[in-house]
Amino acid sequence: MQLDAEVSSSGGTADESAVNKYDRFLKWLLDNGAHFPLLELREYESDVRGVHAKEALAGDQVVVEIPLRCLITVEMGKESDVGKAVLASNLPLDAPKHIFLMLFMLTDRRNPSSFFKPYYDILPSSLSNMPIFWTDEELAYLKGSHLLVQIEERKRAIEADYAAIADVAPSLPSICSVEEFKWARMCVCSRNFGLEVNRIRTAALVPYADMLNHQRPRETKWTFDNARQAFTITTLQPIAPGAQVYDSYGQKCNHRFLLNYGFAVENNREADNFCPNEVGLWQERARKGERERGPIGALTAGDRSSLQPEAPVLEPRRTEQGNGPGREGGGEEGGGEEARIRKEDGMVVCSLIWFFPVCEQVKRIRVCVSDNENMKAALSLLRVVVANEEELVRMLGPGNMFKTARDITYPVSLGNEERVLHTLLKMVTDALALYPTRLEDDVARLARRDDASLRPFSNRRHALIQVRGEKEVLSAFQTLCSTALTLLDVSDNVFKETVNSLYSEGNFFAANYCSDVLYRLRQEEYRRADAAAAQRSVKVNLTNPTIV
């Protein structure tokens, strides 16, 4: 193998020092028993590279083999001095496995004679593509997105881990600064593999294997082969000569790709056209040391519910309308459930809240354009939130089948579902209003190829891909709600024509909701109306009684 041919650049000759460090890295791997003779690294621009096939690859062919001695595992971090201190203290860390990998790497890379030095040398010196390192100007590209909150939370979590570890291991500041700790966290976050090595569940950094880029559907698979005592990558299909060889990082929403890996996938769709991009509809507002009590009868993007899918459905204490909440459940210290009835806009509303005395977690129900469990949970919670007194009696009364809010998967009534749709429509419309640009504008900008600010791999392009994806989900919910609301009281013919039109347009999300949920609700409403009419038409003639 000609090492000087292993790193190439599509844009010309790479910097000599960079080529040399890759030469040393590849030689180190080969000298220690690694095998990848049919692959080569290509660098597209600074710190952006991929792995390519040097010749045609067959399916089910092992193309990468990295021996165990070249892997950095969680257990190695636990054996470090700082790692032992962390283990002994039983700290509640944000990502424990990541922490131990980081601690080994941060400590060991200070040793100029480290066995892993060739690997450390090819790691990026900065991670400017990771949102936690973005400038204020770059973060402004995400205006309107909840990802901005997640980025800030990630920063605080890493800083909290650093401070907690420094408390139990005073040597940590001499090993690394907070910024170096953040760098290591994102290196590990974006590169580690969850493995089972010799029957031990662990995580590991795997040199060379961590250079494969992401693509779905997957065309390779990886594992730790106990017989070989090596990490292996095997093709799942033939791959053409010169083609990039990809790994799959899994089916994920773009917010996870961007936050954890520093990129967003422009066409983030599965083979069946399912798009896993999500948005969060509401969240808990409780902070540490506080108890969440906020009203949730009128949900908006700015006033989000703390109602949880697992919240027990309780029978509320009967009170006079407008005289404040009735309470059931746990006391101030223990946490529990709280049920409220109040009068709002002429309607009696019950708010069911699951609360904890101390709550640090911000939780949202994340939904995508799919009738999945999260979508069902969101609708279930809204059905409780908008319920009137009669509907609450049906939900909470004797013999009800609902043990948790998540159980209310079937619509309560046509009127209740109408209020759900109005509430959800307001939520998504308010959320869309937070963005400074429209979805159509984002789509048009991404389609242009003459905008230098949106070049491939740029943070601005990845930010635009992220917010466009969020708007697509919100717009899909907006269309579902507005369409369904127009179909509540139309004729059967108009209903069927509209649903068929949705199917023909490929809007299966709205069409399935209307044809399933709404259609059954309409039929039940017709049956109830017919039964009521029949009952009213029965007349008893008391002038000529029948004697039995």
Protein backbone atom coordinates (compact mmCIF):
# COMPACT_ATOMS: atom_id res chain seq x y z
CA MET A 1 0.00 0.00 0.00
CA GLN A 2 1.33 3.42 -1.02
CA LEU A 3 0.68 5.60 1.99
CA ASP A 4 1.16 8.84 0.09
CA ALA A 5 -1.76 7.83 -2.09
CA GLU A 6 -4.10 7.17 0.80
CA VAL A 7 -5.05 10.80 1.45
CA SER A 8 -6.15 12.75 -1.58
CA SER A 9 -7.98 16.01 -2.13
CA SER A 10 -10.61 16.66 -4.76
CA GLY A 11 -9.42 20.25 -4.90
CA GLY A 12 -5.69 19.65 -5.35
CA THR A 13 -2.66 18.63 -3.29
CA ALA A 14 -3.23 18.71 0.46
CA ASP A 15 -0.97 20.65 2.80
CA GLU A 16 2.24 18.68 3.26
CA SER A 17 2.03 18.60 7.06
CA ALA A 18 -1.55 17.34 6.87
CA VAL A 19 -0.53 14.58 4.46
CA ASN A 20 2.32 13.62 6.75
CA LYS A 21 0.07 13.33 9.81
CA TYR A 22 -2.32 11.13 7.85
CA ASP A 23 0.63 9.04 6.63
CA ARG A 24 1.71 8.53 10.22
CA PHE A 25 -1.84 7.71 11.27
CA LEU A 26 -2.31 5.10 8.55
CA LYS A 27 1.10 3.56 9.19
CA TRP A 28 0.31 3.31 12.90
CA LEU A 29 -2.92 1.44 12.15
CA LEU A 30 -1.28 -0.93 9.66
CA ASP A 31 1.68 -1.62 11.93
CA ASN A 32 -0.78 -2.66 14.63
CA GLY A 33 -2.75 -5.09 12.51
CA ALA A 34 -5.48 -2.95 10.93
CA HIS A 35 -6.76 -3.87 7.45
CA PHE A 36 -8.58 -1.66 4.92
CA PRO A 37 -6.72 -2.34 1.65
CA LEU A 38 -9.67 -1.50 -0.62
CA LEU A 39 -10.39 1.93 0.86
CA GLU A 40 -8.81 5.39 0.83
CA LEU A 41 -9.38 8.69 2.62
CA ARG A 42 -10.27 11.78 0.64
CA GLU A 43 -10.27 15.29 2.04
CA TYR A 44 -12.81 17.67 0.48
CA GLU A 45 -11.87 20.76 2.46
CA SER A 46 -10.26 21.49 5.81
CA ASP A 47 -11.48 18.92 8.38
CA VAL A 48 -14.07 17.56 5.92
CA ARG A 49 -13.18 14.12 4.63
CA GLY A 50 -14.67 10.78 3.66
CA VAL A 51 -13.77 7.18 2.88
CA HIS A 52 -13.91 5.94 -0.73
CA ALA A 53 -13.67 2.58 -2.48
CA LYS A 54 -10.42 2.13 -4.42
CA GLU A 55 -12.03 -0.64 -6.47
CA ALA A 56 -15.38 -2.39 -6.74
CA LEU A 57 -16.60 -3.80 -3.44
CA ALA A 58 -18.83 -6.85 -3.24
CA GLY A 59 -21.74 -7.21 -0.85
CA ASP A 60 -21.09 -8.92 2.50
CA GLN A 61 -17.38 -8.09 2.33
CA VAL A 62 -15.33 -7.06 5.37
CA VAL A 63 -13.67 -3.82 4.28
CA VAL A 64 -12.37 -2.47 7.60
CA GLU A 65 -10.74 -4.33 10.48
CA ILE A 66 -9.39 -2.37 13.45
CA PRO A 67 -7.82 -4.49 16.23
CA LEU A 68 -8.91 -4.08 19.84
CA ARG A 69 -5.58 -2.58 20.88
CA CYS A 70 -6.29 0.44 18.67
CA LEU A 71 -9.68 1.14 20.32
CA ILE A 72 -10.20 3.53 23.23
CA THR A 73 -12.90 2.07 25.49
CA VAL A 74 -14.93 3.27 28.47
CA GLU A 75 -13.04 0.84 30.71
CA MET A 76 -9.74 2.59 29.90
CA GLY A 77 -11.22 5.88 31.10
CA LYS A 78 -12.45 4.27 34.31
CA GLU A 79 -8.87 3.15 35.05
CA SER A 80 -7.50 6.70 34.85
CA ASP A 81 -6.91 8.59 38.11
CA VAL A 82 -9.72 11.04 37.41
CA GLY A 83 -11.95 8.22 36.21
CA LYS A 84 -11.46 6.35 39.49
CA ALA A 85 -12.38 9.50 41.43
CA VAL A 86 -15.55 9.90 39.36
CA LEU A 87 -16.52 6.26 39.92
CA ALA A 88 -15.93 6.51 43.65
CA SER A 89 -18.07 9.65 43.94
CA ASN A 90 -21.00 8.23 41.94
CA LEU A 91 -21.59 11.61 40.26
CA PRO A 92 -24.90 12.10 38.36
CA LEU A 93 -23.22 13.02 35.04
CA ASP A 94 -24.99 13.99 31.83
CA ALA A 95 -23.40 11.23 29.70
CA PRO A 96 -21.24 8.88 31.83
CA LYS A 97 -19.88 6.70 29.03
CA HIS A 98 -18.85 9.76 27.07
CA ILE A 99 -17.19 11.20 30.17
CA PHE A 100 -14.91 8.19 30.69
CA LEU A 101 -13.84 8.20 27.03
CA MET A 102 -13.14 11.91 27.32
CA LEU A 103 -11.14 11.54 30.52
CA PHE A 104 -8.86 8.94 28.98
CA MET A 105 -8.31 10.97 25.83
CA LEU A 106 -7.77 14.29 27.64
CA THR A 107 -5.27 12.72 30.04
CA ASP A 108 -3.47 10.48 27.57
CA ARG A 109 -2.99 13.04 24.81
CA ARG A 110 -0.81 15.09 27.14
CA ASN A 111 1.75 12.27 26.90
CA PRO A 112 3.99 12.94 23.85
CA SER A 113 4.83 9.23 23.71
CA SER A 114 1.21 8.05 23.86
CA PHE A 115 0.41 4.94 21.83
CA PHE A 116 -2.59 6.83 20.44
CA LYS A 117 -0.67 10.00 19.44
CA PRO A 118 -1.06 9.39 15.66
CA TYR A 119 -4.83 9.21 16.23
CA TYR A 120 -4.97 12.33 18.37
CA ASP A 121 -2.96 14.22 15.74
CA ILE A 122 -5.60 13.74 13.04
CA LEU A 123 -8.54 14.80 15.23
CA PRO A 124 -9.79 18.29 14.30
CA SER A 125 -8.18 21.00 16.40
CA SER A 126 -11.46 22.92 16.45
CA LEU A 127 -15.09 21.90 16.02
CA SER A 128 -16.52 25.09 14.59
CA ASN A 129 -19.22 23.07 12.81
CA MET A 130 -20.72 22.03 16.17
CA PRO A 131 -23.50 24.44 17.23
CA ILE A 132 -22.15 24.76 20.80
CA PHE A 133 -19.13 26.51 19.23
CA TRP A 134 -21.06 28.69 16.79
CA THR A 135 -20.70 32.46 16.93
CA ASP A 136 -23.67 34.68 17.85
CA GLU A 137 -24.04 35.53 14.17
CA GLU A 138 -24.26 31.85 13.26
CA LEU A 139 -26.70 31.09 16.08
CA ALA A 140 -28.93 33.86 14.75
CA TYR A 141 -29.51 31.67 11.67
CA LEU A 142 -31.58 29.42 13.97
CA LYS A 143 -33.89 32.19 15.20
CA GLY A 144 -37.30 30.74 16.03
CA SER A 145 -35.97 27.22 16.56
CA HIS A 146 -36.08 25.40 19.89
CA LEU A 147 -32.63 24.08 18.97
CA LEU A 148 -31.23 27.34 20.37
CA VAL A 149 -32.48 26.29 23.81
CA GLN A 150 -31.01 22.80 23.36
CA ILE A 151 -27.63 24.26 22.40
CA GLU A 152 -27.57 26.39 25.53
CA GLU A 153 -28.64 23.42 27.64
CA ARG A 154 -25.85 21.30 26.16
CA LYS A 155 -23.30 23.98 27.05
CA ARG A 156 -24.59 24.20 30.62
CA ALA A 157 -24.62 20.41 31.00
CA ILE A 158 -20.99 20.11 29.89
CA GLU A 159 -19.92 22.96 32.14
CA ALA A 160 -21.80 21.38 35.06
CA ASP A 161 -20.05 18.04 34.44
CA TYR A 162 -16.68 19.78 34.37
CA ALA A 163 -17.35 21.56 37.67
CA ALA A 164 -18.68 18.41 39.34
CA ILE A 165 -15.67 16.34 38.27
CA ALA A 166 -13.25 19.08 39.33
CA ASP A 167 -14.82 18.97 42.80
CA VAL A 168 -13.97 15.28 43.25
CA ALA A 169 -10.79 15.29 41.13
CA PRO A 170 -8.90 18.58 41.74
CA SER A 171 -6.33 17.63 39.09
CA LEU A 172 -8.85 18.07 36.25
CA PRO A 173 -8.11 21.80 35.62
CA SER A 174 -4.41 20.93 35.17
CA ILE A 175 -5.40 18.32 32.57
CA CYS A 176 -7.82 20.42 30.56
CA SER A 177 -9.72 23.71 30.50
CA VAL A 178 -13.51 23.95 30.23
CA GLU A 179 -13.18 24.68 26.51
CA GLU A 180 -10.97 21.63 25.99
CA PHE A 181 -13.50 19.59 27.94
CA LYS A 182 -16.24 20.81 25.58
CA TRP A 183 -14.07 19.94 22.56
CA ALA A 184 -13.51 16.42 23.90
CA ARG A 185 -17.21 15.98 24.66
CA MET A 186 -18.22 16.77 21.09
CA CYS A 187 -15.39 14.66 19.65
CA VAL A 188 -16.61 11.68 21.64
CA CYS A 189 -20.29 12.45 21.03
CA SER A 190 -19.82 12.44 17.27
CA ARG A 191 -17.36 9.53 17.02
CA ASN A 192 -18.11 6.84 19.61
CA PHE A 193 -19.58 3.44 18.82
CA GLY A 194 -21.74 1.44 21.24
CA LEU A 195 -20.30 -2.07 21.29
CA GLU A 196 -20.23 -5.36 23.09
CA VAL A 197 -16.58 -6.35 23.54
CA ASN A 198 -15.98 -9.80 25.00
CA ARG A 199 -19.49 -9.81 26.51
CA ILE A 200 -19.11 -6.36 28.07
CA ARG A 201 -21.40 -3.55 26.90
CA THR A 202 -19.22 -0.52 26.34
CA ALA A 203 -18.56 2.41 24.04
CA ALA A 204 -15.38 3.01 22.09
CA LEU A 205 -13.52 5.42 19.85
CA VAL A 206 -12.52 3.48 16.73
CA PRO A 207 -9.81 5.15 14.62
CA TYR A 208 -10.47 5.16 10.85
CA ALA A 209 -14.00 3.75 11.29
CA ASP A 210 -15.06 7.12 12.68
CA MET A 211 -14.22 8.75 9.35
CA LEU A 212 -17.11 7.20 7.44
CA ASN A 213 -19.83 9.76 6.77
CA HIS A 214 -23.57 9.21 7.24
CA GLN A 215 -26.13 8.08 4.72
CA ARG A 216 -29.50 6.34 4.84
CA PRO A 217 -30.46 3.67 4.04
CA ARG A 218 -27.35 2.03 5.38
CA GLU A 219 -24.99 0.26 3.01
CA THR A 220 -22.57 -1.09 5.62
CA LYS A 221 -22.82 -2.62 9.09
CA TRP A 222 -20.32 -2.68 11.95
CA THR A 223 -19.68 -4.77 15.01
CA PHE A 224 -16.95 -6.00 17.32
CA ASP A 225 -15.96 -9.46 16.10
CA ASN A 226 -14.91 -11.46 19.15
CA ALA A 227 -13.30 -14.16 17.00
CA ARG A 228 -11.08 -11.61 15.25
CA GLN A 229 -10.77 -9.46 18.39
CA ALA A 230 -11.34 -6.50 16.11
CA PHE A 231 -13.93 -3.92 15.10
CA THR A 232 -15.16 -4.69 11.59
CA ILE A 233 -17.17 -2.92 8.89
CA THR A 234 -18.94 -5.10 6.33
CA THR A 235 -20.67 -4.03 3.13
CA LEU A 236 -24.37 -4.79 2.76
CA GLN A 237 -24.41 -4.26 -1.01
CA PRO A 238 -21.98 -3.82 -3.90
CA ILE A 239 -20.23 -0.44 -3.98
CA ALA A 240 -18.78 1.02 -7.18
CA PRO A 241 -15.10 1.96 -7.56
CA GLY A 242 -14.43 5.52 -6.41
CA ALA A 243 -17.78 5.78 -4.61
CA GLN A 244 -17.90 7.06 -1.06
CA VAL A 245 -18.40 4.31 1.54
CA TYR A 246 -20.94 5.36 4.15
CA ASP A 247 -21.96 4.39 7.64
CA SER A 248 -25.47 5.00 8.97
CA TYR A 249 -25.71 7.04 12.16
CA GLY A 250 -29.30 5.88 12.49
CA GLN A 251 -32.74 7.28 11.74
CA LYS A 252 -32.68 10.68 13.44
CA CYS A 253 -34.26 14.10 13.36
CA ASN A 254 -31.99 16.76 11.91
CA HIS A 255 -31.82 18.56 15.27
CA ARG A 256 -29.93 15.53 16.64
CA PHE A 257 -27.62 15.37 13.64
CA LEU A 258 -26.82 19.06 13.91
CA LEU A 259 -26.43 19.18 17.69
CA ASN A 260 -24.38 15.99 18.00
CA TYR A 261 -22.55 15.69 14.68
CA GLY A 262 -22.40 19.21 13.28
CA PHE A 263 -24.38 18.69 10.08
CA ALA A 264 -27.98 18.53 8.84
CA VAL A 265 -29.19 16.19 6.11
CA GLU A 266 -30.75 18.13 3.24
CA ASN A 267 -33.10 15.31 2.20
CA ASN A 268 -33.59 13.52 5.50
CA ARG A 269 -35.94 10.81 4.28
CA GLU A 270 -36.06 7.05 4.59
CA ALA A 271 -36.50 4.63 1.69
CA ASP A 272 -40.29 4.69 2.26
CA ASN A 273 -40.24 8.52 2.10
CA PHE A 274 -40.79 8.88 5.88
CA CYS A 275 -39.10 11.99 7.26
CA PRO A 276 -37.97 11.74 10.93
CA ASN A 277 -37.61 15.52 11.36
CA GLU A 278 -39.50 16.70 14.45
CA VAL A 279 -40.65 19.76 16.34
CA GLY A 280 -41.52 20.06 20.04
CA LEU A 281 -45.06 21.20 20.75
CA TRP A 282 -44.82 22.03 24.43
CA GLN A 283 -42.62 21.58 27.47
CA GLU A 284 -42.46 21.65 31.23
CA ARG A 285 -41.75 25.06 32.68
CA ALA A 286 -40.60 23.90 36.10
CA ARG A 287 -37.13 24.85 37.21
CA LYS A 288 -34.99 23.49 39.99
CA GLY A 289 -36.57 24.13 43.36
CA GLU A 290 -39.90 25.18 41.84
CA ARG A 291 -43.19 23.38 41.52
CA GLU A 292 -44.98 23.62 38.19
CA ARG A 293 -48.50 25.02 38.55
CA GLY A 294 -49.07 26.86 35.30
CA PRO A 295 -52.49 26.71 33.62
CA ILE A 296 -52.59 24.67 30.45
CA GLY A 297 -56.07 25.29 29.15
CA ALA A 298 -54.87 27.53 26.31
CA LEU A 299 -51.67 26.17 24.87
CA THR A 300 -49.44 28.27 22.66
CA ALA A 301 -45.80 28.10 21.61
CA GLY A 302 -44.99 30.56 24.37
CA ASP A 303 -47.17 28.99 27.09
CA ARG A 304 -46.38 25.29 26.99
CA SER A 305 -48.02 22.50 28.88
CA SER A 306 -46.49 20.49 31.67
CA LEU A 307 -49.07 17.76 31.21
CA GLN A 308 -47.28 14.46 30.71
CA PRO A 309 -48.53 11.41 28.76
CA GLU A 310 -48.14 9.25 31.87
CA ALA A 311 -50.02 11.68 34.13
CA PRO A 312 -52.69 9.76 36.06
CA VAL A 313 -56.24 10.71 35.17
CA LEU A 314 -57.84 11.89 38.42
CA GLU A 315 -61.33 12.76 39.43
CA PRO A 316 -61.33 16.51 40.13
CA ARG A 317 -62.97 17.95 43.23
CA ARG A 318 -66.20 19.69 42.33
CA THR A 319 -66.09 23.45 42.89
CA GLU A 320 -68.16 26.41 41.88
CA GLN A 321 -67.28 27.63 38.42
CA GLY A 322 -64.62 30.29 38.58
CA ASN A 323 -63.89 29.83 42.29
CA GLY A 324 -60.41 28.40 41.80
CA PRO A 325 -58.98 24.93 41.58
CA GLY A 326 -59.96 21.82 43.44
CA ARG A 327 -57.01 19.61 44.44
CA GLU A 328 -56.27 15.95 44.64
CA GLY A 329 -52.98 14.08 44.86
CA GLY A 330 -49.65 14.50 46.59
CA GLY A 331 -48.59 17.23 48.97
CA GLU A 332 -45.97 19.92 48.67
CA GLU A 333 -43.03 17.68 49.49
CA GLY A 334 -43.72 14.40 47.75
CA GLY A 335 -44.84 15.36 44.27
CA GLY A 336 -48.00 13.99 42.69
CA GLU A 337 -50.92 14.96 40.52
CA GLU A 338 -53.08 18.04 40.42
CA ALA A 339 -56.48 18.39 38.79
CA ARG A 340 -58.09 21.77 38.20
CA ILE A 341 -61.45 22.97 37.05
CA ARG A 342 -61.79 26.60 36.10
CA LYS A 343 -63.99 28.76 33.92
CA GLU A 344 -62.29 30.20 30.88
CA ASP A 345 -64.04 32.00 28.06
CA GLY A 346 -67.38 30.66 29.27
CA MET A 347 -66.21 27.04 29.25
CA VAL A 348 -65.36 24.89 32.25
CA VAL A 349 -61.85 23.53 31.64
CA CYS A 350 -59.91 20.89 33.55
CA SER A 351 -56.13 20.96 33.64
CA LEU A 352 -54.39 17.76 34.66
CA ILE A 353 -50.81 18.43 35.68
CA TRP A 354 -48.07 16.02 36.65
CA PHE A 355 -45.57 17.86 38.80
CA PHE A 356 -42.43 17.24 40.82
CA PRO A 357 -41.14 19.39 43.71
CA VAL A 358 -37.76 19.68 41.98
CA CYS A 359 -37.65 19.52 38.22
CA GLU A 360 -34.60 20.35 36.12
CA GLN A 361 -35.64 18.56 32.94
CA VAL A 362 -37.25 20.45 30.08
CA LYS A 363 -39.50 17.96 28.34
CA ARG A 364 -41.34 18.32 25.09
CA ILE A 365 -43.49 16.00 23.09
CA ARG A 366 -41.67 15.89 19.79
CA VAL A 367 -43.85 15.17 16.78
CA CYS A 368 -43.10 14.51 13.14
CA VAL A 369 -45.31 14.09 10.09
CA SER A 370 -46.50 10.65 11.13
CA ASP A 371 -49.30 9.00 13.06
CA ASN A 372 -46.80 7.60 15.55
CA GLU A 373 -46.99 7.24 19.33
CA ASN A 374 -45.87 10.84 19.98
CA MET A 375 -48.57 12.19 17.66
CA LYS A 376 -51.17 10.06 19.47
CA ALA A 377 -49.88 11.25 22.86
CA ALA A 378 -50.08 14.90 21.79
CA LEU A 379 -53.70 14.51 20.67
CA SER A 380 -54.54 12.56 23.84
CA LEU A 381 -53.26 15.34 26.08
CA LEU A 382 -55.08 18.01 24.12
CA ARG A 383 -58.34 16.08 24.42
CA VAL A 384 -58.03 16.34 28.18
CA VAL A 385 -56.90 19.96 28.12
CA VAL A 386 -59.86 21.22 26.07
CA ALA A 387 -62.51 18.97 27.62
CA ASN A 388 -65.68 20.60 28.99
CA GLU A 389 -67.41 19.44 32.18
CA GLU A 390 -69.60 16.84 30.48
CA GLU A 391 -66.61 15.34 28.70
CA LEU A 392 -64.58 15.30 31.90
CA VAL A 393 -67.34 13.33 33.62
CA ARG A 394 -67.15 10.75 30.84
CA MET A 395 -63.34 10.60 31.16
CA LEU A 396 -63.09 10.67 34.93
CA GLY A 397 -66.36 9.20 36.05
CA PRO A 398 -67.05 5.71 37.42
CA GLY A 399 -66.10 2.93 35.03
CA ASN A 400 -63.85 5.04 32.83
CA MET A 401 -61.13 3.06 31.06
CA PHE A 402 -58.47 5.77 31.13
CA LYS A 403 -55.66 5.31 33.64
CA THR A 404 -53.29 7.84 32.10
CA ALA A 405 -53.68 10.76 29.74
CA ARG A 406 -51.94 8.72 27.03
CA ASP A 407 -54.81 6.21 27.12
CA ILE A 408 -57.25 8.72 25.64
CA THR A 409 -56.26 7.72 22.12
CA TYR A 410 -59.79 7.70 20.78
CA PRO A 411 -61.57 11.05 20.24
CA VAL A 412 -64.01 12.05 22.97
CA SER A 413 -66.58 13.78 20.78
CA LEU A 414 -66.83 15.81 17.61
CA GLY A 415 -66.99 19.02 19.65
CA ASN A 416 -63.96 18.06 21.70
CA GLU A 417 -61.98 17.20 18.58
CA GLU A 418 -62.94 20.53 17.03
CA ARG A 419 -61.46 22.34 20.04
CA VAL A 420 -58.36 20.13 19.82
CA LEU A 421 -57.89 21.12 16.19
CA HIS A 422 -58.35 24.83 16.92
CA THR A 423 -55.86 24.64 19.81
CA LEU A 424 -53.29 22.70 17.81
CA LEU A 425 -53.72 25.04 14.84
CA LYS A 426 -53.01 28.04 17.06
CA MET A 427 -49.95 26.35 18.54
CA VAL A 428 -48.32 25.58 15.20
CA THR A 429 -49.31 28.93 13.69
CA ASP A 430 -47.77 30.77 16.64
CA ALA A 431 -44.63 28.63 16.33
CA LEU A 432 -44.28 29.44 12.63
CA ALA A 433 -44.61 33.14 13.42
CA LEU A 434 -41.42 32.97 15.52
CA TYR A 435 -39.24 32.46 12.44
CA PRO A 436 -38.07 35.55 10.51
CA THR A 437 -38.50 33.84 7.11
CA ARG A 438 -41.19 31.77 5.43
CA LEU A 439 -40.88 28.12 4.43
CA GLU A 440 -41.16 29.02 0.74
CA ASP A 441 -38.23 31.44 1.08
CA ASP A 442 -36.05 28.78 2.72
CA VAL A 443 -36.84 26.23 0.02
CA ALA A 444 -35.98 28.74 -2.71
CA ARG A 445 -32.68 29.74 -1.05
CA LEU A 446 -31.54 26.14 -0.65
CA ALA A 447 -32.33 25.46 -4.31
CA ARG A 448 -29.99 28.26 -5.45
CA ARG A 449 -26.42 27.35 -6.35
CA ASP A 450 -25.06 30.88 -6.73
CA ASP A 451 -25.26 31.86 -3.04
CA ALA A 452 -21.72 31.59 -1.67
CA SER A 453 -22.95 31.98 1.92
CA LEU A 454 -24.80 28.66 1.57
CA ARG A 455 -21.90 26.60 0.27
CA PRO A 456 -21.89 22.86 1.11
CA PHE A 457 -20.71 22.01 4.65
CA SER A 458 -21.24 25.61 5.84
CA ASN A 459 -22.92 26.29 9.17
CA ARG A 460 -25.33 28.68 7.52
CA ARG A 461 -26.53 26.01 5.11
CA HIS A 462 -26.94 23.44 7.86
CA ALA A 463 -28.89 25.96 9.97
CA LEU A 464 -31.20 26.71 7.05
CA ILE A 465 -31.78 23.00 6.44
CA GLN A 466 -32.69 22.61 10.11
CA VAL A 467 -35.24 25.46 10.29
CA ARG A 468 -36.72 24.51 6.92
CA GLY A 469 -37.34 21.00 8.28
CA GLU A 470 -39.05 22.36 11.38
CA LYS A 471 -41.30 24.59 9.28
CA GLU A 472 -42.22 21.65 7.05
CA VAL A 473 -43.48 19.72 10.09
CA LEU A 474 -45.37 22.72 11.50
CA SER A 475 -46.88 23.47 8.08
CA ALA A 476 -48.03 19.85 7.74
CA PHE A 477 -49.84 20.12 11.08
CA GLN A 478 -51.27 23.48 10.04
CA THR A 479 -52.67 21.93 6.86
CA LEU A 480 -54.06 18.93 8.76
CA CYS A 481 -55.87 21.14 11.28
CA SER A 482 -57.24 23.70 8.83
CA THR A 483 -58.42 21.00 6.40
CA ALA A 484 -60.02 18.89 9.12
CA LEU A 485 -61.85 21.91 10.54
CA THR A 486 -63.45 22.58 7.14
CA LEU A 487 -64.70 18.98 7.01
CA LEU A 488 -66.52 18.90 10.34
CA ASP A 489 -69.98 19.64 8.97
CA VAL A 490 -69.81 19.25 5.17
CA SER A 491 -71.82 16.70 3.21
CA ASP A 492 -70.53 13.15 2.89
CA ASN A 493 -69.81 13.71 -0.80
CA VAL A 494 -67.70 16.80 -0.15
CA PHE A 495 -65.93 14.97 2.69
CA LYS A 496 -65.02 12.01 0.48
CA GLU A 497 -63.94 14.22 -2.44
CA THR A 498 -61.66 16.27 -0.18
CA VAL A 499 -60.07 13.21 1.40
CA ASN A 500 -59.54 11.60 -2.02
CA SER A 501 -57.94 14.83 -3.19
CA LEU A 502 -55.56 14.76 -0.23
CA TYR A 503 -54.54 11.21 -1.09
CA SER A 504 -54.01 12.07 -4.76
CA GLU A 505 -51.80 15.02 -3.71
CA GLY A 506 -49.70 12.71 -1.54
CA ASN A 507 -50.80 14.34 1.71
CA PHE A 508 -51.31 11.03 3.50
CA PHE A 509 -50.77 12.64 6.91
CA ALA A 510 -53.90 14.82 6.70
CA ALA A 511 -55.83 12.29 4.60
CA ASN A 512 -55.33 9.45 7.09
CA TYR A 513 -56.42 11.59 10.04
CA CYS A 514 -59.55 12.75 8.23
CA SER A 515 -60.52 9.34 6.84
CA ASP A 516 -59.90 7.55 10.13
CA VAL A 517 -60.50 9.83 13.12
CA LEU A 518 -62.79 12.44 11.64
CA TYR A 519 -64.88 10.06 9.55
CA ARG A 520 -65.68 7.85 12.55
CA LEU A 521 -66.52 10.89 14.68
CA ARG A 522 -68.92 12.15 12.04
CA GLN A 523 -70.63 8.75 11.82
CA GLU A 524 -71.03 8.59 15.61
CA GLU A 525 -72.48 12.09 15.63
CA TYR A 526 -75.01 11.06 12.96
CA ARG A 527 -76.01 7.99 15.02
CA ARG A 528 -76.44 10.03 18.19
CA ALA A 529 -78.51 12.62 16.32
CA ASP A 530 -80.71 9.93 14.77
CA ALA A 531 -81.22 8.25 18.15
CA ALA A 532 -82.18 11.55 19.77
CA ALA A 533 -84.59 12.35 16.95
CA ALA A 534 -86.19 8.93 17.23
CA GLN A 535 -86.63 9.36 20.97
CA ARG A 536 -88.29 12.74 20.51
CA SER A 537 -90.69 11.31 17.93
CA VAL A 538 -92.10 8.69 20.32
CA LYS A 539 -95.50 9.95 21.63
CA VAL A 540 -97.53 8.30 24.37
CA ASN A 541 -101.38 8.51 24.03
CA LEU A 542 -102.73 8.76 27.57
CA THR A 543 -106.39 9.32 26.46
CA ASN A 544 -106.80 5.69 25.50
CA PRO A 545 -104.55 3.76 27.88
CA THR A 546 -103.84 0.12 27.27
CA ILE A 547 -104.83 -2.06 30.20
CA VAL A 548 -102.54 -5.00 30.78
